[in-house]
Each structure stands twice: as structure tokens, then as C-alpha cells.
């Protein structure tokens, strides 16, 4: 029982002695320590002493044993109680603030300046390439093509040469990405007045330079793969637009479906690009018996019989590869997967935006864009890597925002902005709830399976909606 008044019987260990004492429970520990030190024959009385439980912190000397919740029969030890060191005195407030800020905030370093330079270079390249495209569309195609083509060639040569001159690999990667941007602009300027040809050649140029830069520099595989993926998809849609004279909204709707398909095949594509070896799936256990026991032998011919099989060797043949090689290829596959997801997501979001702008206020088009956006969001729960999950979630959120904005701007009804306002607020609240509440919960296998079925249902719903947007049902009825 806890003692509040009276005496408490405790055992105190200190130095080489142990004493059992009955001490007042309502006196401060500082008043009891001199007598306890005398009983333990501790001569160094000038030091600061206190009592403590085994494995616990020291008791405050201003406390009583009752306040410290000490019971009859407790074992306490004598321990040092050094006074807390005072904090540093600051006579200059400005110097103190600077010192504390340096400790709690990251300062600007040469590494920070390097990353800022990379971001500025890529941003300037995008602005310059956009200006070149604008100049080409305004009638100055020759000058725009010559300038952007020369800059793209210079940048990719500098990136490839920097690899051999042991320049920082990140600098080589930044030069290569800038070359991709200028290469796409040069292709647009040189393609002529055809929009489909411009789109196709821009995708081919950007994708080709990205592949050359990735293979030549060996750095930033995720960024190069993202550019190559977006470029390949853009080139395919440009080629489709050149041979299929359909409305722009239909071409954009097909582009959305292409982006979703690329996202679904991203895992298999990354494995193939990284040449990640996969073991064959055995259909039967390796034979362990001796085949000689199942066949007859002739004296002098095959008298020894075949060598017995080694089951461990048969299983070893299924091994992937050396651990170091496997680790390197796994890292490469992860980078390629991030790049494919990034490029496909950017391409899909852009396609959804164009489809929503051109097809709105058609309800079927908006529903198709919403389902495609949901397919992007679903990709966020598939991956383990946080970057890959963030790409899918942020891409889906951007696509949904584009659909809401497109419906608001193109709607002729006065209630459309009100509906868009409520829908945007509701989707934001739902996203906040999922990210803060649902993310920390544990779900049953039945609930997880239900979400997986909903994921497959969303992907399957894209097919009939795409056919509806393409007006295929009407064509079948009229045929």
C-alpha cells in the first residue's frame, strides 16, 4: 500500500553496503539523505546524492517518499544527482538567432545552387522551345527550326561528351533533358503545317533523344524513360491522327485509353527494359530416382547406366542470378518503372484535359474522363514506392481537376459552375478523409478484395465508354 503519513520501510544500497531502514514518509528526501549517507558510511558528503529505483530515473530531492510513491519493501539505490547544466547565455540576440536557425534549418549550399541551376535550365528550355513553336506557327518556321535544332544538337553532344570528361552526371542528365525539349520544338518547326505530323515528329524526336541520352550518359534513367514514354505515346497518337480523319475529341479519347494501357503494362515493360531475369515456373518436381532402375541393361553396353540426377542442381538451375547483378537490375527496373509511370501519367492527364475541353458539355465524355481519372488514382495503391504511388495519385487528382474546370468553363447552363463548385469541394473532402483517416486503418481481406474488384470494374468500364464517345454504337446500328 502507498504510505502517505508515518514511516515507510525501505532497503537502500550504496557503495559496498545495504541497510534496511524505516524513515518518515512525509519528509523531503533532502532531509533524509545525511542520515542515510552516515548509515552507508559514505564519506563524500560534498557530492550531490539522491535515491533511485533500479532501472528508473533519480528521485527529486524536494520530493517526499510518499510523493514519489515509495512503498514498504522497495529497494532503492544511492546515486549521483548532478545539477542540470545551465543553458548558454546569449548576449547578442542576432547571433543567437543565427546560430539557432543554422541548427534547425537547412542552409543554402553549393548542392542547393546546383539543383536550382538544373531547374532554371529546364524551365528556360521549356520557355524557349514554346517560343520557338509559337514562332514556327506564326510563319518563322525556318529560323525556329534552325535555332532549336542547333541547340538540341549542341546540348546532346555536350551531355555525351561530359560523360567521358567525368563531368557531374546530374549535369549531363540536365543537358540531355533540355536537348529533348529543344528537339521536340525543332521537329514541330520542321514538320510543316500539318498538326498530326507535328505531333508525331515531336514525339519521335523527344523519344529518340531521350533514349540516346539515357544510353549515352547512363544517368537519370527515370527522367529519360518518362520523356521517352511520353514521346512514344505522342508519336503513336500523331500517326493515328494522320491516317484516321476523325474529330479531335475522338483522337484525344483514344489517347486517354492508350495512356491507361501503358500504365497497366508499366510493370512488365520495366522488367523487360532492365532485363530482369525471371525463373521458369516448374510444372513438376525434379526427378529424384535413378532412371537406371526403370530400364534394363545389357552386359558390356551401358553397364554403368546414366548418372543419377542431382535434385539440388536441378533446383539451382532455377536461380535468378548473382546477388549483385540482381540488385543492380532491380534498381534499374524500379527507375524504369518510375519513368514509365511518370511519362504515361503526364500523357494521360494531358489527354484527359484535351478530351474534356473538346467534348464538354457532353455527359458521356465527362464520365469517360472521370473514369480515366479514377484509373489513375487506383494506380496509387498498387505500388510500394512512394514516388510511384504519388505519381498516380497526383496525376489522378490533376485529371479530376481538369474535368471539373472543363465542365465549368464549357457549360452553357447557369447551374454548371455551382455544380462544379460543390463537386470540387466534395472531392477535396473525400481525398482528405481517405488520406488522413482511411490510410491509417487496417482493412479485412474482404474489404481489400472489394476494392480490387472495383479497380477492375473501373478499367473495364473504359471500353464501353470509349466506344460510346467514338460513336461506335450508332455506326453499328446504322450498318
Protein backbone atom coordinates (compact mmCIF):
# COMPACT_ATOMS: atom_id res chain seq x y z
CA UNK A 1 0.00 0.00 0.00
CA UNK A 2 1.17 3.57 -0.60
CA UNK A 3 2.31 5.38 2.52
CA UNK A 4 1.03 8.90 2.98
CA UNK A 5 1.94 9.56 6.66
CA UNK A 6 4.07 7.68 9.18
CA UNK A 7 7.09 5.59 8.31
CA UNK A 8 8.00 3.52 5.27
CA UNK A 9 10.40 0.59 5.42
CA UNK A 10 12.86 0.55 2.55
CA UNK A 11 16.18 -1.05 1.66
CA UNK A 12 18.95 1.26 0.43
CA UNK A 13 22.07 0.09 -1.43
CA UNK A 14 25.06 2.40 -1.62
CA UNK A 15 28.76 1.84 -2.05
CA UNK A 16 29.52 -1.58 -0.56
CA UNK A 17 26.70 -1.56 2.00
CA UNK A 18 23.00 -2.19 2.14
CA UNK A 19 20.79 -1.08 5.01
CA UNK A 20 17.16 -1.60 5.85
CA UNK A 21 15.67 1.49 7.42
CA UNK A 22 12.34 2.89 8.44
CA UNK A 23 12.16 6.56 7.53
CA UNK A 24 9.40 9.19 7.69
CA UNK A 25 7.36 9.20 4.53
CA UNK A 26 6.39 12.87 4.79
CA UNK A 27 9.88 14.41 4.98
CA UNK A 28 11.68 15.69 1.92
CA UNK A 29 14.33 13.36 0.59
CA UNK A 30 16.98 16.06 1.08
CA UNK A 31 16.39 15.93 4.86
CA UNK A 32 16.78 12.14 4.96
CA UNK A 33 19.93 11.83 2.86
CA UNK A 34 22.51 12.89 5.54
CA UNK A 35 21.38 10.10 7.88
CA UNK A 36 21.24 7.59 5.02
CA UNK A 37 24.79 8.54 3.97
CA UNK A 38 26.00 8.06 7.52
CA UNK A 39 24.44 4.61 7.77
CA UNK A 40 26.04 3.60 4.47
CA UNK A 41 29.43 5.01 5.56
CA UNK A 42 29.65 7.30 2.55
CA UNK A 43 32.28 9.92 3.34
CA UNK A 44 31.96 12.06 0.16
CA UNK A 45 29.17 14.19 1.55
CA UNK A 46 30.05 17.18 -0.68
CA UNK A 47 28.66 15.47 -3.78
CA UNK A 48 25.02 15.69 -4.72
CA UNK A 49 23.25 12.45 -3.82
CA UNK A 50 19.76 11.11 -4.24
CA UNK A 51 17.89 7.82 -4.29
CA UNK A 52 16.55 5.99 -7.33
CA UNK A 53 14.70 2.82 -8.19
CA UNK A 54 16.60 0.21 -10.15
CA UNK A 55 16.21 0.94 -13.83
CA UNK A 56 14.44 4.22 -13.18
CA UNK A 57 15.47 7.84 -13.01
CA UNK A 58 16.63 9.56 -9.81
CA UNK A 59 14.06 10.86 -7.33
CA UNK A 60 13.85 14.59 -6.85
CA UNK A 61 15.37 15.63 -3.54
CA UNK A 62 12.49 18.04 -2.94
CA UNK A 63 10.01 15.16 -3.01
CA UNK A 64 8.89 13.07 -0.09
CA UNK A 65 8.84 9.31 -0.27
CA UNK A 66 5.06 9.46 -0.24
CA UNK A 67 5.06 11.85 -3.21
CA UNK A 68 7.49 9.53 -5.01
CA UNK A 69 5.09 6.61 -4.48
CA UNK A 70 7.61 4.60 -2.48
CA UNK A 71 6.13 1.52 -0.78
CA UNK A 72 7.18 -0.73 2.07
CA UNK A 73 9.84 -3.14 0.92
CA UNK A 74 11.04 -1.10 -2.08
CA UNK A 75 14.72 -1.34 -2.99
CA UNK A 76 16.43 1.99 -3.67
CA UNK A 77 19.99 2.73 -4.69
CA UNK A 78 22.17 5.69 -3.85
CA UNK A 79 23.13 7.58 -6.98
CA UNK A 80 24.61 10.85 -8.11
CA UNK A 81 22.32 13.78 -8.68
CA UNK A 82 24.41 16.30 -10.64
CA UNK A 83 22.78 19.68 -11.09
CA UNK A 84 21.46 20.43 -14.54
CA UNK A 85 23.89 22.48 -16.57
CA UNK A 86 22.62 25.97 -17.23
CA UNK A 87 21.81 26.95 -20.77
CA UNK A 88 24.18 29.04 -22.78
CA UNK A 89 23.89 32.74 -22.10
CA UNK A 90 23.31 34.79 -25.23
CA UNK A 91 24.44 38.39 -25.07
CA UNK A 92 23.82 39.07 -28.79
CA UNK A 93 20.27 38.28 -29.87
CA UNK A 94 21.09 38.43 -33.57
CA UNK A 95 23.99 35.99 -33.18
CA UNK A 96 21.81 33.68 -31.10
CA UNK A 97 19.02 33.70 -33.66
CA UNK A 98 21.52 32.99 -36.44
CA UNK A 99 23.04 30.08 -34.51
CA UNK A 100 19.67 28.54 -33.68
CA UNK A 101 18.48 28.99 -37.26
CA UNK A 102 21.58 27.26 -38.56
CA UNK A 103 20.87 24.32 -36.26
CA UNK A 104 17.18 23.93 -37.13
CA UNK A 105 17.08 24.99 -40.80
CA UNK A 106 18.94 23.75 -43.81
CA UNK A 107 21.29 26.35 -45.14
CA UNK A 108 21.89 27.22 -48.78
CA UNK A 109 24.79 25.17 -50.06
CA UNK A 110 26.58 24.52 -53.32
CA UNK A 111 24.37 21.45 -53.75
CA UNK A 112 21.27 23.62 -53.45
CA UNK A 113 22.65 26.04 -56.02
CA UNK A 114 23.32 23.15 -58.39
CA UNK A 115 19.74 21.85 -58.18
CA UNK A 116 18.37 25.38 -58.63
CA UNK A 117 20.55 25.74 -61.73
CA UNK A 118 19.17 22.49 -63.15
CA UNK A 119 15.59 23.62 -62.54
CA UNK A 120 16.29 27.03 -64.09
CA UNK A 121 17.91 25.43 -67.15
CA UNK A 122 15.00 23.08 -67.78
CA UNK A 123 12.47 25.89 -67.24
CA UNK A 124 14.31 28.17 -69.62
CA UNK A 125 14.46 25.38 -72.18
CA UNK A 126 10.71 24.84 -71.98
CA UNK A 127 10.01 28.56 -72.37
CA UNK A 128 12.45 28.90 -75.26
CA UNK A 129 11.05 25.81 -77.00
CA UNK A 130 7.49 27.09 -76.56
CA UNK A 131 8.53 30.40 -78.09
CA UNK A 132 10.11 28.50 -80.97
CA UNK A 133 6.88 26.60 -81.58
CA UNK A 134 4.97 29.85 -81.49
CA UNK A 135 7.38 31.37 -83.99
CA UNK A 136 7.01 28.36 -86.28
CA UNK A 137 3.21 28.66 -86.18
CA UNK A 138 3.50 32.39 -86.95
CA UNK A 139 5.49 31.92 -90.15
CA UNK A 140 9.11 31.88 -88.96
CA UNK A 141 9.49 28.12 -89.22
CA UNK A 142 12.94 28.17 -90.81
CA UNK A 143 14.54 30.33 -88.16
CA UNK A 144 12.84 28.44 -85.34
CA UNK A 145 13.84 25.05 -86.74
CA UNK A 146 17.45 26.12 -87.27
CA UNK A 147 17.85 27.58 -83.79
CA UNK A 148 16.11 24.83 -81.82
CA UNK A 149 17.77 22.10 -83.87
CA UNK A 150 21.24 23.58 -83.37
CA UNK A 151 20.65 23.98 -79.63
CA UNK A 152 19.34 20.41 -79.31
CA UNK A 153 22.36 19.02 -81.16
CA UNK A 154 24.76 21.07 -79.06
CA UNK A 155 23.16 20.01 -75.79
CA UNK A 156 23.09 16.29 -76.55
CA UNK A 157 26.71 16.37 -77.75
CA UNK A 158 27.70 18.21 -74.58
CA UNK A 159 25.86 15.64 -72.46
CA UNK A 160 27.56 12.72 -74.19
CA UNK A 161 30.98 14.39 -74.02
CA UNK A 162 30.50 15.25 -70.36
CA UNK A 163 30.15 11.56 -69.56
CA UNK A 164 33.65 10.92 -70.94
CA UNK A 165 35.10 14.05 -69.32
CA UNK A 166 33.89 12.92 -65.86
CA UNK A 167 31.52 15.85 -65.51
CA UNK A 168 28.86 15.59 -62.78
CA UNK A 169 26.34 13.01 -64.06
CA UNK A 170 23.44 15.20 -62.99
CA UNK A 171 24.71 17.98 -65.23
CA UNK A 172 24.84 15.55 -68.16
CA UNK A 173 21.29 14.45 -67.39
CA UNK A 174 20.05 18.05 -67.26
CA UNK A 175 21.67 18.80 -70.62
CA UNK A 176 20.09 15.68 -72.11
CA UNK A 177 16.60 16.59 -70.87
CA UNK A 178 16.97 20.13 -72.24
CA UNK A 179 18.03 18.60 -75.56
CA UNK A 180 14.81 16.57 -75.61
CA UNK A 181 12.76 19.73 -75.19
CA UNK A 182 14.54 21.61 -77.96
CA UNK A 183 14.45 18.53 -80.19
CA UNK A 184 10.67 18.35 -79.91
CA UNK A 185 10.40 22.05 -80.76
CA UNK A 186 12.69 21.59 -83.77
CA UNK A 187 10.53 18.73 -85.03
CA UNK A 188 7.39 20.86 -84.72
CA UNK A 189 9.03 23.70 -86.64
CA UNK A 190 10.31 21.42 -89.38
CA UNK A 191 7.19 19.28 -89.83
CA UNK A 192 5.18 21.73 -91.87
CA UNK A 193 1.62 22.94 -91.39
CA UNK A 194 0.08 19.53 -90.63
CA UNK A 195 -0.85 19.27 -86.95
CA UNK A 196 -0.75 15.49 -86.89
CA UNK A 197 2.71 15.46 -88.48
CA UNK A 198 3.95 17.97 -85.95
CA UNK A 199 2.67 15.90 -83.06
CA UNK A 200 4.14 12.68 -84.43
CA UNK A 201 7.56 14.13 -85.25
CA UNK A 202 7.77 15.94 -81.90
CA UNK A 203 7.16 12.67 -80.09
CA UNK A 204 9.68 10.81 -82.22
CA UNK A 205 12.34 13.48 -81.73
CA UNK A 206 11.88 13.74 -77.98
CA UNK A 207 11.79 9.98 -77.51
CA UNK A 208 14.84 9.37 -79.69
CA UNK A 209 16.96 11.99 -77.95
CA UNK A 210 15.84 10.64 -74.56
CA UNK A 211 16.93 7.11 -75.49
CA UNK A 212 20.28 8.36 -76.83
CA UNK A 213 20.81 10.48 -73.73
CA UNK A 214 19.96 7.63 -71.36
CA UNK A 215 22.20 5.15 -73.14
CA UNK A 216 24.99 7.65 -73.65
CA UNK A 217 25.11 9.25 -70.21
CA UNK A 218 23.89 6.34 -68.12
CA UNK A 219 22.26 8.74 -65.65
CA UNK A 220 18.70 9.71 -64.67
CA UNK A 221 17.03 6.64 -66.19
CA UNK A 222 13.68 7.60 -64.65
CA UNK A 223 13.63 11.06 -66.24
CA UNK A 224 14.79 9.80 -69.63
CA UNK A 225 12.29 6.94 -69.56
CA UNK A 226 9.48 9.37 -68.72
CA UNK A 227 10.35 11.54 -71.73
CA UNK A 228 10.71 8.50 -73.98
CA UNK A 229 7.37 7.07 -72.84
CA UNK A 230 5.51 10.33 -73.36
CA UNK A 231 7.25 10.81 -76.70
CA UNK A 232 6.39 7.33 -77.95
CA UNK A 233 2.74 7.69 -76.95
CA UNK A 234 2.56 11.14 -78.56
CA UNK A 235 4.12 9.82 -81.77
CA UNK A 236 1.59 6.98 -81.89
CA UNK A 237 -1.34 9.38 -81.46
CA UNK A 238 0.10 11.72 -84.10
CA UNK A 239 0.42 8.84 -86.54
CA UNK A 240 -3.14 7.77 -85.75
CA UNK A 241 -4.41 11.29 -86.41
CA UNK A 242 -2.57 11.32 -89.74
CA UNK A 243 -4.24 8.16 -91.04
CA UNK A 244 -7.64 8.43 -89.29
CA UNK A 245 -9.58 11.55 -90.15
CA UNK A 246 -11.72 11.67 -87.03
CA UNK A 247 -12.73 14.58 -84.80
CA UNK A 248 -10.07 15.84 -82.43
CA UNK A 249 -12.17 14.79 -79.44
CA UNK A 250 -12.17 11.19 -80.67
CA UNK A 251 -8.39 11.21 -81.17
CA UNK A 252 -7.96 12.60 -77.65
CA UNK A 253 -10.27 9.93 -76.24
CA UNK A 254 -8.17 7.21 -77.85
CA UNK A 255 -5.08 8.89 -76.40
CA UNK A 256 -6.61 8.58 -72.93
CA UNK A 257 -7.14 4.86 -73.45
CA UNK A 258 -3.56 4.48 -74.72
CA UNK A 259 -2.24 6.18 -71.59
CA UNK A 260 -4.23 3.88 -69.30
CA UNK A 261 -3.00 0.81 -71.20
CA UNK A 262 0.60 1.98 -70.84
CA UNK A 263 0.09 2.35 -67.10
CA UNK A 264 -1.26 -1.19 -66.91
CA UNK A 265 1.75 -2.57 -68.82
CA UNK A 266 4.34 -0.47 -66.98
CA UNK A 267 5.48 -3.29 -64.70
CA UNK A 268 6.10 -5.78 -67.48
CA UNK A 269 7.81 -3.12 -69.57
CA UNK A 270 10.20 -2.15 -66.78
CA UNK A 271 11.16 -5.80 -66.26
CA UNK A 272 11.92 -6.16 -69.95
CA UNK A 273 13.94 -2.93 -70.12
CA UNK A 274 16.05 -3.87 -67.10
CA UNK A 275 16.49 -7.42 -68.41
CA UNK A 276 15.45 -8.69 -65.02
CA UNK A 277 15.71 -12.49 -65.15
CA UNK A 278 12.65 -14.41 -64.10
CA UNK A 279 12.87 -18.06 -63.08
CA UNK A 280 10.75 -20.54 -65.01
CA UNK A 281 7.82 -21.89 -63.09
CA UNK A 282 8.40 -25.63 -62.57
CA UNK A 283 5.43 -27.75 -63.52
CA UNK A 284 6.76 -30.84 -61.78
CA UNK A 285 9.31 -31.62 -59.11
CA UNK A 286 12.78 -32.55 -60.37
CA UNK A 287 13.21 -36.33 -60.67
CA UNK A 288 15.00 -37.83 -57.69
CA UNK A 289 15.04 -41.54 -58.56
CA UNK A 290 17.62 -43.31 -60.69
CA UNK A 291 16.43 -43.81 -64.29
CA UNK A 292 18.64 -46.90 -64.48
CA UNK A 293 16.28 -48.67 -62.11
CA UNK A 294 13.46 -48.33 -64.63
CA UNK A 295 15.31 -49.76 -67.62
CA UNK A 296 17.20 -52.96 -68.40
CA UNK A 297 20.94 -53.05 -69.10
CA UNK A 298 22.96 -55.30 -71.37
CA UNK A 299 26.28 -56.71 -70.25
CA UNK A 300 29.08 -54.66 -71.70
CA UNK A 301 26.72 -51.99 -73.02
CA UNK A 302 25.57 -49.23 -70.70
CA UNK A 303 26.65 -51.37 -67.82
CA UNK A 304 27.13 -48.33 -65.60
CA UNK A 305 23.89 -46.69 -66.64
CA UNK A 306 23.23 -42.95 -66.70
CA UNK A 307 24.46 -40.68 -63.95
CA UNK A 308 21.83 -40.17 -61.24
CA UNK A 309 20.27 -36.70 -61.33
CA UNK A 310 21.06 -34.16 -58.67
CA UNK A 311 17.83 -32.62 -57.31
CA UNK A 312 19.73 -29.72 -55.73
CA UNK A 313 21.39 -28.96 -59.03
CA UNK A 314 18.03 -29.01 -60.78
CA UNK A 315 16.69 -26.51 -58.29
CA UNK A 316 19.83 -24.39 -58.62
CA UNK A 317 19.19 -24.07 -62.33
CA UNK A 318 16.09 -22.04 -61.41
CA UNK A 319 18.14 -19.40 -59.57
CA UNK A 320 17.83 -15.83 -60.83
CA UNK A 321 21.37 -14.50 -60.93
CA UNK A 322 24.20 -13.27 -58.80
CA UNK A 323 23.01 -11.10 -55.91
CA UNK A 324 24.95 -8.04 -57.06
CA UNK A 325 23.69 -8.35 -60.61
CA UNK A 326 20.16 -8.87 -59.34
CA UNK A 327 20.40 -5.80 -57.08
CA UNK A 328 21.65 -3.65 -59.96
CA UNK A 329 18.95 -4.83 -62.31
CA UNK A 330 16.28 -4.42 -59.65
CA UNK A 331 17.31 -0.79 -59.14
CA UNK A 332 17.23 -0.25 -62.89
CA UNK A 333 13.79 -1.83 -63.16
CA UNK A 334 12.48 0.40 -60.39
CA UNK A 335 13.85 3.50 -62.13
CA UNK A 336 12.37 2.43 -65.46
CA UNK A 337 9.03 1.78 -63.77
CA UNK A 338 9.04 5.24 -62.22
CA UNK A 339 9.82 6.79 -65.58
CA UNK A 340 7.14 4.86 -67.45
CA UNK A 341 4.56 5.77 -64.82
CA UNK A 342 5.59 9.42 -64.90
CA UNK A 343 5.54 9.73 -68.67
CA UNK A 344 2.30 7.81 -69.07
CA UNK A 345 0.64 9.82 -66.30
CA UNK A 346 1.61 13.16 -67.84
CA UNK A 347 0.42 11.95 -71.24
CA UNK A 348 -2.88 10.68 -69.81
CA UNK A 349 -3.56 13.86 -67.83
CA UNK A 350 -2.91 15.98 -70.92
CA UNK A 351 -5.18 13.72 -72.99
CA UNK A 352 -7.93 13.85 -70.38
CA UNK A 353 -7.71 17.64 -70.32
CA UNK A 354 -7.95 17.92 -74.10
CA UNK A 355 -10.81 15.41 -74.24
CA UNK A 356 -12.75 17.22 -71.52
CA UNK A 357 -12.26 20.62 -73.18
CA UNK A 358 -13.22 19.42 -76.65
CA UNK A 359 -16.02 17.07 -75.61
CA UNK A 360 -17.72 19.05 -72.84
CA UNK A 361 -20.54 19.59 -72.03
CA UNK A 362 -21.31 16.08 -73.30
CA UNK A 363 -22.10 13.98 -70.23
CA UNK A 364 -20.67 10.79 -71.74
CA UNK A 365 -17.33 12.48 -72.47
CA UNK A 366 -17.12 13.86 -68.94
CA UNK A 367 -17.99 10.45 -67.50
CA UNK A 368 -15.29 8.84 -69.63
CA UNK A 369 -12.73 11.39 -68.42
CA UNK A 370 -13.81 10.85 -64.82
CA UNK A 371 -13.40 7.07 -65.11
CA UNK A 372 -9.95 7.53 -66.64
CA UNK A 373 -9.01 9.83 -63.76
CA UNK A 374 -10.20 7.19 -61.32
CA UNK A 375 -7.98 4.67 -63.10
CA UNK A 376 -5.02 6.94 -62.43
CA UNK A 377 -5.95 7.23 -58.77
CA UNK A 378 -6.23 3.47 -58.47
CA UNK A 379 -2.65 3.07 -59.65
CA UNK A 380 -1.55 4.81 -56.45
CA UNK A 381 -2.48 1.80 -54.31
CA UNK A 382 -0.67 -0.72 -56.48
CA UNK A 383 2.94 0.33 -55.93
CA UNK A 384 5.12 0.20 -52.83
CA UNK A 385 7.48 3.01 -53.78
CA UNK A 386 6.15 6.32 -52.51
CA UNK A 387 7.24 8.20 -55.64
CA UNK A 388 5.42 5.80 -57.90
CA UNK A 389 2.30 5.96 -55.73
CA UNK A 390 2.46 9.75 -55.59
CA UNK A 391 2.69 9.94 -59.38
CA UNK A 392 -0.56 8.04 -59.79
CA UNK A 393 -2.44 9.85 -57.02
CA UNK A 394 -1.35 13.35 -58.02
CA UNK A 395 -1.96 12.57 -61.69
CA UNK A 396 -5.47 11.36 -60.95
CA UNK A 397 -6.18 14.43 -58.84
CA UNK A 398 -4.92 16.71 -61.62
CA UNK A 399 -7.08 14.89 -64.18
CA UNK A 400 -10.18 15.22 -62.00
CA UNK A 401 -9.46 18.92 -61.51
CA UNK A 402 -9.14 19.31 -65.29
CA UNK A 403 -12.51 17.63 -65.83
CA UNK A 404 -14.20 19.89 -63.28
CA UNK A 405 -12.66 23.04 -64.75
CA UNK A 406 -13.54 21.99 -68.30
CA UNK A 407 -17.16 21.32 -67.37
CA UNK A 408 -17.33 24.68 -65.61
CA UNK A 409 -15.87 26.68 -68.49
CA UNK A 410 -17.78 24.99 -71.30
CA UNK A 411 -21.15 24.57 -69.60
CA UNK A 412 -23.94 26.75 -71.00
CA UNK A 413 -26.26 26.29 -68.04
CA UNK A 414 -26.06 28.80 -65.18
CA UNK A 415 -26.07 25.98 -62.64
CA UNK A 416 -22.94 24.34 -64.06
CA UNK A 417 -20.49 26.50 -62.04
CA UNK A 418 -22.47 25.76 -58.88
CA UNK A 419 -22.33 22.04 -59.55
CA UNK A 420 -18.60 22.28 -60.28
CA UNK A 421 -18.08 24.20 -57.04
CA UNK A 422 -19.89 21.57 -54.96
CA UNK A 423 -18.20 18.69 -56.79
CA UNK A 424 -14.72 20.13 -56.28
CA UNK A 425 -15.34 20.71 -52.58
CA UNK A 426 -16.79 17.22 -52.15
CA UNK A 427 -13.88 15.57 -53.95
CA UNK A 428 -11.41 17.53 -51.84
CA UNK A 429 -13.15 16.45 -48.65
CA UNK A 430 -13.19 12.85 -49.82
CA UNK A 431 -9.49 12.97 -50.63
CA UNK A 432 -8.72 14.48 -47.24
CA UNK A 433 -10.71 11.78 -45.48
CA UNK A 434 -9.10 8.95 -47.42
CA UNK A 435 -5.60 10.30 -46.87
CA UNK A 436 -5.92 11.07 -43.17
CA UNK A 437 -8.45 8.58 -41.82
CA UNK A 438 -8.64 5.57 -44.09
CA UNK A 439 -4.88 5.38 -44.68
CA UNK A 440 -4.21 4.53 -41.05
CA UNK A 441 -6.80 1.78 -40.72
CA UNK A 442 -6.49 -1.95 -41.12
CA UNK A 443 -8.90 -3.48 -43.60
CA UNK A 444 -10.17 -7.02 -43.77
CA UNK A 445 -9.35 -9.27 -46.74
CA UNK A 446 -12.96 -8.97 -47.86
CA UNK A 447 -12.72 -5.19 -48.00
CA UNK A 448 -9.42 -5.34 -49.86
CA UNK A 449 -10.91 -7.76 -52.35
CA UNK A 450 -13.89 -5.46 -52.85
CA UNK A 451 -11.54 -2.59 -53.69
CA UNK A 452 -9.69 -4.80 -56.16
CA UNK A 453 -12.96 -5.74 -57.85
CA UNK A 454 -13.86 -2.04 -58.05
CA UNK A 455 -10.47 -1.40 -59.64
CA UNK A 456 -11.10 -3.99 -62.33
CA UNK A 457 -14.61 -2.62 -62.85
CA UNK A 458 -13.21 0.87 -63.47
CA UNK A 459 -10.75 -0.45 -66.03
CA UNK A 460 -13.44 -2.50 -67.79
CA UNK A 461 -15.84 0.47 -67.84
CA UNK A 462 -13.37 2.40 -70.01
CA UNK A 463 -14.05 0.17 -73.01
CA UNK A 464 -17.82 0.74 -73.42
CA UNK A 465 -17.43 4.43 -72.56
CA UNK A 466 -14.70 4.81 -75.19
CA UNK A 467 -16.90 3.16 -77.80
CA UNK A 468 -19.72 5.49 -76.77
CA UNK A 469 -17.51 8.56 -77.11
CA UNK A 470 -16.34 7.35 -80.53
CA UNK A 471 -19.99 6.96 -81.52
CA UNK A 472 -19.40 3.33 -82.40
CA UNK A 473 -22.84 2.18 -81.21
CA UNK A 474 -24.59 4.48 -83.69
CA UNK A 475 -22.38 3.22 -86.50
CA UNK A 476 -23.25 -0.38 -85.64
CA UNK A 477 -26.96 0.38 -85.59
CA UNK A 478 -26.80 2.15 -88.96
CA UNK A 479 -24.66 -0.53 -90.58
